[in-house]
C-alpha atoms as a PDB file:
ATOM      1  CA  MET A   1     104.950 138.296 105.294  1.00  0.00           C
ATOM      2  CA  GLU A   2     102.806 135.516 104.338  1.00  0.00           C
ATOM      3  CA  ASP A   3     100.818 133.228 106.871  1.00  0.00           C
ATOM      4  CA  PRO A   4     103.333 130.468 108.479  1.00  0.00           C
ATOM      5  CA  LEU A   5     101.145 127.685 107.395  1.00  0.00           C
ATOM      6  CA  VAL A   6     101.904 128.539 103.929  1.00  0.00           C
ATOM      7  CA  LEU A   7     105.408 129.242 104.235  1.00  0.00           C
ATOM      8  CA  ARG A   8     108.035 126.636 104.339  1.00  0.00           C
ATOM      9  CA  PRO A   9     108.745 125.045 107.875  1.00  0.00           C
ATOM     10  CA  GLY A  10     112.047 125.539 108.607  1.00  0.00           C
ATOM     11  CA  ARG A  11     114.049 121.917 108.163  1.00  0.00           C
ATOM     12  CA  PHE A  12     114.900 120.185 111.188  1.00  0.00           C
ATOM     13  CA  SER A  13     118.416 119.683 110.236  1.00  0.00           C
ATOM     14  CA  ASP A  14     118.853 123.782 109.877  1.00  0.00           C
ATOM     15  CA  ARG A  15     116.704 123.990 113.278  1.00  0.00           C
ATOM     16  CA  PHE A  16     119.094 121.733 114.793  1.00  0.00           C
ATOM     17  CA  LEU A  17     122.255 123.454 113.597  1.00  0.00           C
ATOM     18  CA  ALA A  18     120.666 127.156 114.667  1.00  0.00           C
ATOM     19  CA  TYR A  19     119.820 125.359 118.156  1.00  0.00           C
ATOM     20  CA  LEU A  20     123.510 124.185 118.649  1.00  0.00           C
ATOM     21  CA  LEU A  21     124.818 127.784 117.484  1.00  0.00           C
ATOM     22  CA  ASP A  22     122.451 129.229 120.196  1.00  0.00           C
ATOM     23  CA  THR A  23     123.316 126.910 122.749  1.00  0.00           C
ATOM     24  CA  VAL A  24     127.161 125.520 122.762  1.00  0.00           C
ATOM     25  CA  PRO A  25     128.502 129.019 123.484  1.00  0.00           C
ATOM     26  CA  PHE A  26     126.393 128.978 126.925  1.00  0.00           C
ATOM     27  CA  VAL A  27     127.777 125.658 127.545  1.00  0.00           C
ATOM     28  CA  PHE A  28     131.208 126.265 126.833  1.00  0.00           C
ATOM     29  CA  GLY A  29     130.784 129.490 129.271  1.00  0.00           C
ATOM     30  CA  ALA A  30     129.178 127.528 132.012  1.00  0.00           C
ATOM     31  CA  THR A  31     131.733 124.964 131.948  1.00  0.00           C
ATOM     32  CA  GLY A  32     134.647 127.578 131.600  1.00  0.00           C
ATOM     33  CA  THR A  33     133.392 129.183 134.727  1.00  0.00           C
ATOM     34  CA  VAL A  34     133.530 126.024 136.478  1.00  0.00           C
ATOM     35  CA  TRP A  35     137.032 125.605 135.411  1.00  0.00           C
ATOM     36  CA  VAL A  36     138.071 128.895 136.452  1.00  0.00           C
ATOM     37  CA  TRP A  37     136.287 128.945 139.603  1.00  0.00           C
ATOM     38  CA  GLY A  38     138.099 125.509 140.785  1.00  0.00           C
ATOM     39  CA  GLY A  39     141.588 126.155 138.955  1.00  0.00           C
ATOM     40  CA  PRO A  40     143.157 129.474 138.855  1.00  0.00           C
ATOM     41  CA  LEU A  41     140.816 130.850 141.688  1.00  0.00           C
ATOM     42  CA  ALA A  42     141.116 127.745 143.636  1.00  0.00           C
ATOM     43  CA  ARG A  43     137.894 127.686 145.017  1.00  0.00           C
ATOM     44  CA  SER A  44     135.810 125.086 146.132  1.00  0.00           C
ATOM     45  CA  ILE A  45     133.497 123.368 143.557  1.00  0.00           C
ATOM     46  CA  SER A  46     130.469 122.911 145.779  1.00  0.00           C
ATOM     47  CA  ASP A  47     126.990 122.129 145.016  1.00  0.00           C
ATOM     48  CA  ARG A  48     126.210 125.853 145.886  1.00  0.00           C
ATOM     49  CA  ALA A  49     128.829 127.069 143.847  1.00  0.00           C
ATOM     50  CA  LEU A  50     127.657 124.688 140.944  1.00  0.00           C
ATOM     51  CA  LEU A  51     124.204 125.799 141.293  1.00  0.00           C
ATOM     52  CA  GLY A  52     124.890 129.517 141.283  1.00  0.00           C
ATOM     53  CA  ILE A  53     127.187 129.294 137.949  1.00  0.00           C
ATOM     54  CA  GLY A  54     124.400 127.005 136.177  1.00  0.00           C
ATOM     55  CA  ALA A  55     121.480 129.505 137.193  1.00  0.00           C
ATOM     56  CA  ALA A  56     123.551 132.574 136.191  1.00  0.00           C
ATOM     57  CA  TRP A  57     124.364 131.041 132.776  1.00  0.00           C
ATOM     58  CA  LEU A  58     120.796 129.551 132.375  1.00  0.00           C
ATOM     59  CA  GLY A  59     119.366 133.008 132.949  1.00  0.00           C
ATOM     60  CA  LEU A  60     121.622 134.360 130.183  1.00  0.00           C
ATOM     61  CA  ALA A  61     120.494 131.663 127.644  1.00  0.00           C
ATOM     62  CA  VAL A  62     116.803 132.764 128.519  1.00  0.00           C
ATOM     63  CA  LEU A  63     117.487 136.359 128.050  1.00  0.00           C
ATOM     64  CA  TRP A  64     119.272 135.500 124.907  1.00  0.00           C
ATOM     65  CA  GLN A  65     116.163 133.458 123.610  1.00  0.00           C
ATOM     66  CA  TRP A  66     113.752 136.331 124.808  1.00  0.00           C
ATOM     67  CA  LEU A  67     115.444 138.863 123.010  1.00  0.00           C
ATOM     68  CA  GLY A  68     116.041 136.599 119.891  1.00  0.00           C
ATOM     69  CA  ASN A  69     112.313 135.802 119.850  1.00  0.00           C
ATOM     70  CA  LEU A  70     111.273 139.491 120.163  1.00  0.00           C
ATOM     71  CA  ALA A  71     113.669 139.981 117.047  1.00  0.00           C
ATOM     72  CA  GLY A  72     111.884 137.174 115.177  1.00  0.00           C
ATOM     73  CA  GLY A  73     114.892 134.579 115.769  1.00  0.00           C
ATOM     74  CA  THR A  74     118.184 134.369 117.505  1.00  0.00           C
ATOM     75  CA  LEU A  75     121.298 135.136 115.884  1.00  0.00           C
ATOM     76  CA  GLY A  76     121.675 131.210 115.262  1.00  0.00           C
ATOM     77  CA  LYS A  77     118.303 130.904 113.494  1.00  0.00           C
ATOM     78  CA  LYS A  78     119.258 134.030 111.279  1.00  0.00           C
ATOM     79  CA  LEU A  79     122.442 132.731 110.287  1.00  0.00           C
ATOM     80  CA  MET A  80     120.585 129.422 109.076  1.00  0.00           C
ATOM     81  CA  GLY A  81     117.660 131.620 107.578  1.00  0.00           C
ATOM     82  CA  LEU A  82     115.066 130.954 109.891  1.00  0.00           C
ATOM     83  CA  ALA A  83     112.488 133.236 111.487  1.00  0.00           C
ATOM     84  CA  VAL A  84     110.005 132.767 114.616  1.00  0.00           C
ATOM     85  CA  VAL A  85     106.668 133.705 113.831  1.00  0.00           C
ATOM     86  CA  THR A  86     103.112 133.526 115.188  1.00  0.00           C
ATOM     87  CA  SER A  87     100.218 132.527 113.229  1.00  0.00           C
ATOM     88  CA  SER A  88      99.851 135.943 111.874  1.00  0.00           C
ATOM     89  CA  GLY A  89     103.399 135.865 110.271  1.00  0.00           C
ATOM     90  CA  ARG A  90     104.750 138.347 112.774  1.00  0.00           C
ATOM     91  CA  ALA A  91     107.485 138.293 115.384  1.00  0.00           C
ATOM     92  CA  PRO A  92     106.034 137.216 118.865  1.00  0.00           C
ATOM     93  CA  GLY A  93     105.369 139.997 121.405  1.00  0.00           C
ATOM     94  CA  PRO A  94     107.158 140.244 125.016  1.00  0.00           C
ATOM     95  CA  LEU A  95     104.777 137.727 126.687  1.00  0.00           C
ATOM     96  CA  ARG A  96     104.788 135.086 123.931  1.00  0.00           C
ATOM     97  CA  ALA A  97     108.311 135.557 123.385  1.00  0.00           C
ATOM     98  CA  LEU A  98     108.959 135.136 127.081  1.00  0.00           C
ATOM     99  CA  VAL A  99     106.792 131.969 127.026  1.00  0.00           C
ATOM    100  CA  ARG A 100     108.721 130.503 124.160  1.00  0.00           C
ATOM    101  CA  ALA A 101     111.986 130.961 126.193  1.00  0.00           C
ATOM    102  CA  LEU A 102     111.042 129.362 129.264  1.00  0.00           C
ATOM    103  CA  GLY A 103     109.557 126.553 127.129  1.00  0.00           C
ATOM    104  CA  TRP A 104     113.025 126.383 125.391  1.00  0.00           C
ATOM    105  CA  VAL A 105     114.570 125.703 128.971  1.00  0.00           C
ATOM    106  CA  LEU A 106     111.544 122.895 129.548  1.00  0.00           C
ATOM    107  CA  SER A 107     112.273 121.248 126.071  1.00  0.00           C
ATOM    108  CA  THR A 108     115.780 120.148 127.670  1.00  0.00           C
ATOM    109  CA  PRO A 109     114.820 117.611 130.027  1.00  0.00           C
ATOM    110  CA  LEU A 110     114.567 113.753 129.099  1.00  0.00           C
ATOM    111  CA  ALA A 111     117.216 113.923 126.288  1.00  0.00           C
ATOM    112  CA  ASN A 112     116.114 117.147 124.816  1.00  0.00           C
ATOM    113  CA  ALA A 113     112.608 115.640 123.930  1.00  0.00           C
ATOM    114  CA  GLY A 114     111.271 118.858 123.651  1.00  0.00           C
ATOM    115  CA  PHE A 115     113.453 119.617 120.747  1.00  0.00           C
ATOM    116  CA  VAL A 116     113.376 116.000 119.239  1.00  0.00           C
ATOM    117  CA  LEU A 117     109.531 116.667 118.780  1.00  0.00           C
ATOM    118  CA  ALA A 118     110.106 119.034 116.142  1.00  0.00           C
ATOM    119  CA  LEU A 119     111.676 115.987 113.910  1.00  0.00           C
ATOM    120  CA  PHE A 120     108.095 114.295 113.955  1.00  0.00           C
ATOM    121  CA  HIS A 121     106.114 117.273 113.829  1.00  0.00           C
ATOM    122  CA  PRO A 122     104.927 117.810 110.325  1.00  0.00           C
ATOM    123  CA  LYS A 123     105.621 121.786 110.620  1.00  0.00           C
ATOM    124  CA  THR A 124     108.936 120.880 112.438  1.00  0.00           C
ATOM    125  CA  ARG A 125     107.356 122.630 115.728  1.00  0.00           C
ATOM    126  CA  ALA A 126     109.046 121.980 119.033  1.00  0.00           C
ATOM    127  CA  LEU A 127     107.479 121.882 122.646  1.00  0.00           C
ATOM    128  CA  HIS A 128     108.327 125.484 122.931  1.00  0.00           C
ATOM    129  CA  ASP A 129     106.635 126.562 119.738  1.00  0.00           C
ATOM    130  CA  LEU A 130     103.451 124.470 120.842  1.00  0.00           C
ATOM    131  CA  LEU A 131     103.435 126.233 124.251  1.00  0.00           C
ATOM    132  CA  ALA A 132     103.976 129.879 122.737  1.00  0.00           C
ATOM    133  CA  GLY A 133     101.920 129.453 119.624  1.00  0.00           C
ATOM    134  CA  THR A 134     104.725 129.847 117.379  1.00  0.00           C
ATOM    135  CA  TYR A 135     106.349 128.556 114.210  1.00  0.00           C
ATOM    136  CA  VAL A 136     109.895 128.493 112.833  1.00  0.00           C
ATOM    137  CA  VAL A 137     109.905 129.027 109.109  1.00  0.00           C
ATOM    138  CA  GLU A 138     112.290 129.516 106.237  1.00  0.00           C
ATOM    139  CA  ALA A 139     112.674 133.488 105.958  1.00  0.00           C
ATOM    140  CA  GLY A 140     114.625 133.323 102.413  1.00  0.00           C
ATOM    141  CA  PRO A 141     115.239 130.813  99.611  1.00  0.00           C
ATOM    142  CA  ARG A 142     115.497 127.001 100.427  1.00  0.00           C
ATOM    143  CA  ARG A 143     119.115 126.327 100.237  1.00  0.00           C
ATOM    144  CA  ASP A 144     120.946 122.972  99.223  1.00  0.00           C
ATOM    145  CA  GLY A 145     123.009 120.905 101.595  1.00  0.00           C
ATOM    146  CA  GLY A 146     120.606 120.095 104.230  1.00  0.00           C
ATOM    147  CA  ALA A 147     122.309 116.753 104.595  1.00  0.00           C
ATOM    148  CA  ALA A 148     125.390 118.193 105.132  1.00  0.00           C
ATOM    149  CA  ALA A 149     124.205 120.889 107.546  1.00  0.00           C
ATOM    150  CA  PHE A 150     122.479 117.766 109.487  1.00  0.00           C
ATOM    151  CA  ALA A 151     125.881 115.949 109.454  1.00  0.00           C
ATOM    152  CA  VAL A 152     127.707 118.990 110.877  1.00  0.00           C
ATOM    153  CA  ALA A 153     124.966 119.518 113.466  1.00  0.00           C
ATOM    154  CA  ALA A 154     125.182 115.693 114.659  1.00  0.00           C
ATOM    155  CA  PHE A 155     128.903 116.077 114.820  1.00  0.00           C
ATOM    156  CA  ALA A 156     128.376 119.347 116.894  1.00  0.00           C
ATOM    157  CA  ALA A 157     125.942 117.542 119.175  1.00  0.00           C
ATOM    158  CA  PHE A 158     128.087 114.869 119.929  1.00  0.00           C
ATOM    159  CA  GLY A 159     130.900 117.344 120.881  1.00  0.00           C
ATOM    160  CA  LEU A 160     128.346 119.263 123.023  1.00  0.00           C
ATOM    161  CA  PHE A 161     127.317 115.694 124.734  1.00  0.00           C
ATOM    162  CA  ALA A 162     131.164 115.086 125.435  1.00  0.00           C
ATOM    163  CA  LEU A 163     131.755 118.721 126.655  1.00  0.00           C
ATOM    164  CA  GLN A 164     128.724 118.374 129.270  1.00  0.00           C
ATOM    165  CA  TYR A 165     129.996 114.680 130.272  1.00  0.00           C
ATOM    166  CA  TRP A 166     133.480 116.182 130.991  1.00  0.00           C
ATOM    167  CA  ALA A 167     131.809 119.132 132.864  1.00  0.00           C
ATOM    168  CA  ASN A 168     129.955 116.223 134.833  1.00  0.00           C
ATOM    169  CA  LEU A 169     133.384 114.776 135.823  1.00  0.00           C
ATOM    170  CA  LEU A 170     134.363 118.288 137.465  1.00  0.00           C
ATOM    171  CA  ARG A 171     131.383 117.771 139.956  1.00  0.00           C
ATOM    172  CA  PRO A 172     133.410 116.967 143.229  1.00  0.00           C
ATOM    173  CA  THR A 173     132.289 113.640 144.862  1.00  0.00           C
ATOM    174  CA  PRO A 174     132.271 113.302 148.683  1.00  0.00           C
ATOM    175  CA  ALA A 175     135.871 111.766 148.455  1.00  0.00           C
ATOM    176  CA  ASP A 176     137.044 114.904 146.523  1.00  0.00           C
ATOM    177  CA  VAL A 177     135.542 117.307 149.040  1.00  0.00           C
ATOM    178  CA  ALA A 178     137.096 115.258 151.801  1.00  0.00           C
ATOM    179  CA  ALA A 179     140.335 115.400 150.145  1.00  0.00           C
ATOM    180  CA  VAL A 180     140.262 119.012 149.587  1.00  0.00           C
ATOM    181  CA  LEU A 181     139.342 119.369 153.130  1.00  0.00           C
ATOM    182  CA  LYS A 182     142.162 117.486 154.651  1.00  0.00           C
ATOM    183  CA  ALA A 183     144.751 119.198 152.415  1.00  0.00           C
ATOM    184  CA  GLN A 184     143.262 122.344 153.974  1.00  0.00           C
ATOM    185  CA  LYS A 185     143.716 121.186 157.343  1.00  0.00           C
ATOM    186  CA  GLY A 186     147.238 119.983 156.088  1.00  0.00           C
ATOM    187  CA  LEU A 187     148.337 123.572 155.680  1.00  0.00           C
ATOM    188  CA  GLU A 188     147.135 124.323 159.179  1.00  0.00           C
ATOM    189  CA  ILE A 189     150.075 121.983 160.279  1.00  0.00           C
ATOM    190  CA  VAL A 190     152.367 123.568 157.781  1.00  0.00           C
ATOM    191  CA  ALA A 191     151.358 127.221 159.443  1.00  0.00           C
ATOM    192  CA  ARG A 192     152.483 126.150 162.867  1.00  0.00           C
ATOM    193  CA  LEU A 193     155.863 124.565 161.311  1.00  0.00           C
ATOM    194  CA  GLU A 194     156.532 127.834 159.782  1.00  0.00           C
ATOM    195  CA  ASP A 195     155.924 129.741 163.187  1.00  0.00           C
ATOM    196  CA  ALA A 196     158.259 127.007 164.616  1.00  0.00           C
ATOM    197  CA  CYS A 197     160.826 127.673 161.952  1.00  0.00           C
ATOM    198  CA  LYS A 198     160.829 131.496 162.569  1.00  0.00           C
ATOM    199  CA  LYS A 199     160.876 131.099 166.458  1.00  0.00           C
ATOM    200  CA  LYS A 200     164.203 128.646 166.010  1.00  0.00           C
ATOM    201  CA  ASN A 201     165.872 130.588 162.877  1.00  0.00           C
ATOM    202  CA  GLY A 202     164.719 134.074 162.783  1.00  0.00           C
ATOM    203  CA  VAL A 203     163.209 133.337 159.140  1.00  0.00           C
ATOM    204  CA  TYR A 204     160.435 131.500 157.797  1.00  0.00           C
ATOM    205  CA  ALA A 205     160.693 128.217 155.839  1.00  0.00           C
ATOM    206  CA  ALA A 206     161.814 128.482 152.360  1.00  0.00           C
ATOM    207  CA  SER A 207     161.695 124.935 151.200  1.00  0.00           C
ATOM    208  CA  ILE A 208     160.348 121.475 152.136  1.00  0.00           C
ATOM    209  CA  ASP A 209     163.393 120.383 153.461  1.00  0.00           C
ATOM    210  CA  ASP A 210     163.239 123.517 155.917  1.00  0.00           C
ATOM    211  CA  LEU A 211     159.838 122.272 156.878  1.00  0.00           C
ATOM    212  CA  ALA A 212     160.765 118.674 157.359  1.00  0.00           C
ATOM    213  CA  GLN A 213     163.669 119.991 159.740  1.00  0.00           C
ATOM    214  CA  ALA A 214     161.255 122.348 161.556  1.00  0.00           C
ATOM    215  CA  SER A 215     158.737 119.222 162.248  1.00  0.00           C
ATOM    216  CA  GLY A 216     161.826 117.239 164.160  1.00  0.00           C
ATOM    217  CA  ASP A 217     161.295 113.915 162.109  1.00  0.00           C
ATOM    218  CA  PRO A 218     161.554 114.429 158.522  1.00  0.00           C
ATOM    219  CA  LYS A 219     160.569 111.032 157.537  1.00  0.00           C
ATOM    220  CA  LEU A 220     157.452 111.046 159.083  1.00  0.00           C
ATOM    221  CA  PHE A 221     156.914 114.571 157.876  1.00  0.00           C
ATOM    222  CA  ARG A 222     157.540 113.688 154.278  1.00  0.00           C
ATOM    223  CA  SER A 223     155.318 110.608 154.454  1.00  0.00           C
ATOM    224  CA  ALA A 224     152.592 112.365 155.957  1.00  0.00           C
ATOM    225  CA  MET A 225     152.782 115.144 153.008  1.00  0.00           C
ATOM    226  CA  LEU A 226     152.382 112.541 150.660  1.00  0.00           C
ATOM    227  CA  ASP A 227     149.281 111.251 152.344  1.00  0.00           C
ATOM    228  CA  VAL A 228     147.658 114.659 152.215  1.00  0.00           C
ATOM    229  CA  PHE A 229     148.966 116.560 149.035  1.00  0.00           C
ATOM    230  CA  ALA A 230     149.899 115.313 145.503  1.00  0.00           C
ATOM    231  CA  PRO A 231     153.572 115.262 144.892  1.00  0.00           C
ATOM    232  CA  THR A 232     153.390 118.382 142.779  1.00  0.00           C
ATOM    233  CA  PRO A 233     153.163 121.208 142.981  1.00  0.00           C
ATOM    234  CA  PHE A 234     154.188 121.878 146.332  1.00  0.00           C
ATOM    235  CA  VAL A 235     155.867 125.140 146.499  1.00  0.00           C
ATOM    236  CA  VAL A 236     157.237 126.635 149.810  1.00  0.00           C
ATOM    237  CA  GLU A 237     158.316 130.294 149.888  1.00  0.00           C
ATOM    238  CA  GLY A 238     159.412 132.264 152.893  1.00  0.00           C
ATOM    239  CA  GLY A 239     161.718 135.230 154.128  1.00  0.00           C
ATOM    240  CA  ASN A 240     162.090 137.414 157.002  1.00  0.00           C
ATOM    241  CA  MET A 241     158.337 139.014 157.047  1.00  0.00           C
ATOM    242  CA  ARG A 242     156.034 136.333 155.345  1.00  0.00           C
ATOM    243  CA  TRP A 243     155.663 132.832 154.167  1.00  0.00           C
ATOM    244  CA  ARG A 244     153.483 131.059 151.199  1.00  0.00           C
ATOM    245  CA  VAL A 245     152.553 127.375 150.596  1.00  0.00           C
ATOM    246  CA  THR A 246     150.939 126.118 147.360  1.00  0.00           C
ATOM    247  CA  ALA A 247     150.104 122.467 147.256  1.00  0.00           C
ATOM    248  CA  ALA A 248     147.740 120.340 145.415  1.00  0.00           C
ATOM    249  CA  ALA A 249     144.981 118.253 147.192  1.00  0.00           C
ATOM    250  CA  LYS A 250     144.732 114.807 146.162  1.00  0.00           C
ATOM    251  CA  ASP A 251     141.337 114.924 144.676  1.00  0.00           C
ATOM    252  CA  ARG A 252     140.792 113.985 141.046  1.00  0.00           C
ATOM    253  CA  ARG A 253     141.152 117.600 139.914  1.00  0.00           C
ATOM    254  CA  HIS A 254     144.059 118.002 142.277  1.00  0.00           C
ATOM    255  CA  THR A 255     142.519 121.318 143.580  1.00  0.00           C
ATOM    256  CA  ILE A 256     145.225 123.863 144.355  1.00  0.00           C
ATOM    257  CA  VAL A 257     145.097 125.032 147.896  1.00  0.00           C
ATOM    258  CA  ARG A 258     147.173 128.254 149.135  1.00  0.00           C
ATOM    259  CA  ARG A 259     148.065 129.453 152.843  1.00  0.00           C
ATOM    260  CA  GLU A 260     150.196 132.426 153.830  1.00  0.00           C
ATOM    261  CA  GLY A 261     151.251 134.299 156.599  1.00  0.00           C
ATOM    262  CA  PRO A 262     151.633 135.580 159.463  1.00  0.00           C
END
C-alpha cells in the first residue's frame, strides 16, 4: 500500500456514514435492552441497571472498534471503501488499535466534537486518529455521490439523535421510582386480600370484584386501586391453589408489576 500521506484521505461524508453504520446497531442494542429490561422482564430501570447495560454495550462497541482497527477498518468503513492505516500504510497493531478504539470513546463527549474534528482537519483525521497515529484513507477508486451519501448520513444522524432522546425518556425520574414502589406496596395489600378471600370462600379471588368484596368496602377499594395502579392492565387470576395479579404502575412507562402466591 502507498504512503497514506499520498493516498486520498477518506471524505468526511464517507467517514460519517461509516461511523453511523458502526454505531447505530449498538445504540439500538442498548436501547432495546433497556426496553426489554423494563418491559417484558418487568425489572426496575434503576441507575445501576442503566449503568450496567450501558457499560456492557459500550464494551462491545470498543471490542468491535479494536477488532476492526486490527483488520484495517470496521465493517462500516469497508462498506464505504475506507481503510485505517498507520504512517507506514499498514493496518495498526494491537496496541495502536486499542488506543484508537479507546480514543473513539473519548471522541463522543461534547456533541461528538472528536469526530467533528475530521470535518476541519485537512486529512479528515478525528481525535482518535491523532491519538493513535492513524489515518483513514480511501481503499479503492473514488466514488461519486458524496453529497447524496452525506445527506443520507445526516438523516441517519438525526434518527440517531432522536433515538438517544427517546432512550433518555426511559430513564426513571424520582417520581417514576416512587410510583413503582407504591405499586409494589399496593400488591402487598392485594396479597393480604387474597389470603382473606381464601379463608372466607375456600378459593382465591379471581377478579377485581372478588378483591373488592374481600376488602369489606368495595368503593374505597376501587378508589385506592386507581390511586396506586393505572386503570389497565389490572388482571386478577385465582383458583383453589394459587393466585396472581398483574398490574401497571402509574409511572410514565406504566411499568408492569406482578405478584403471585401463596
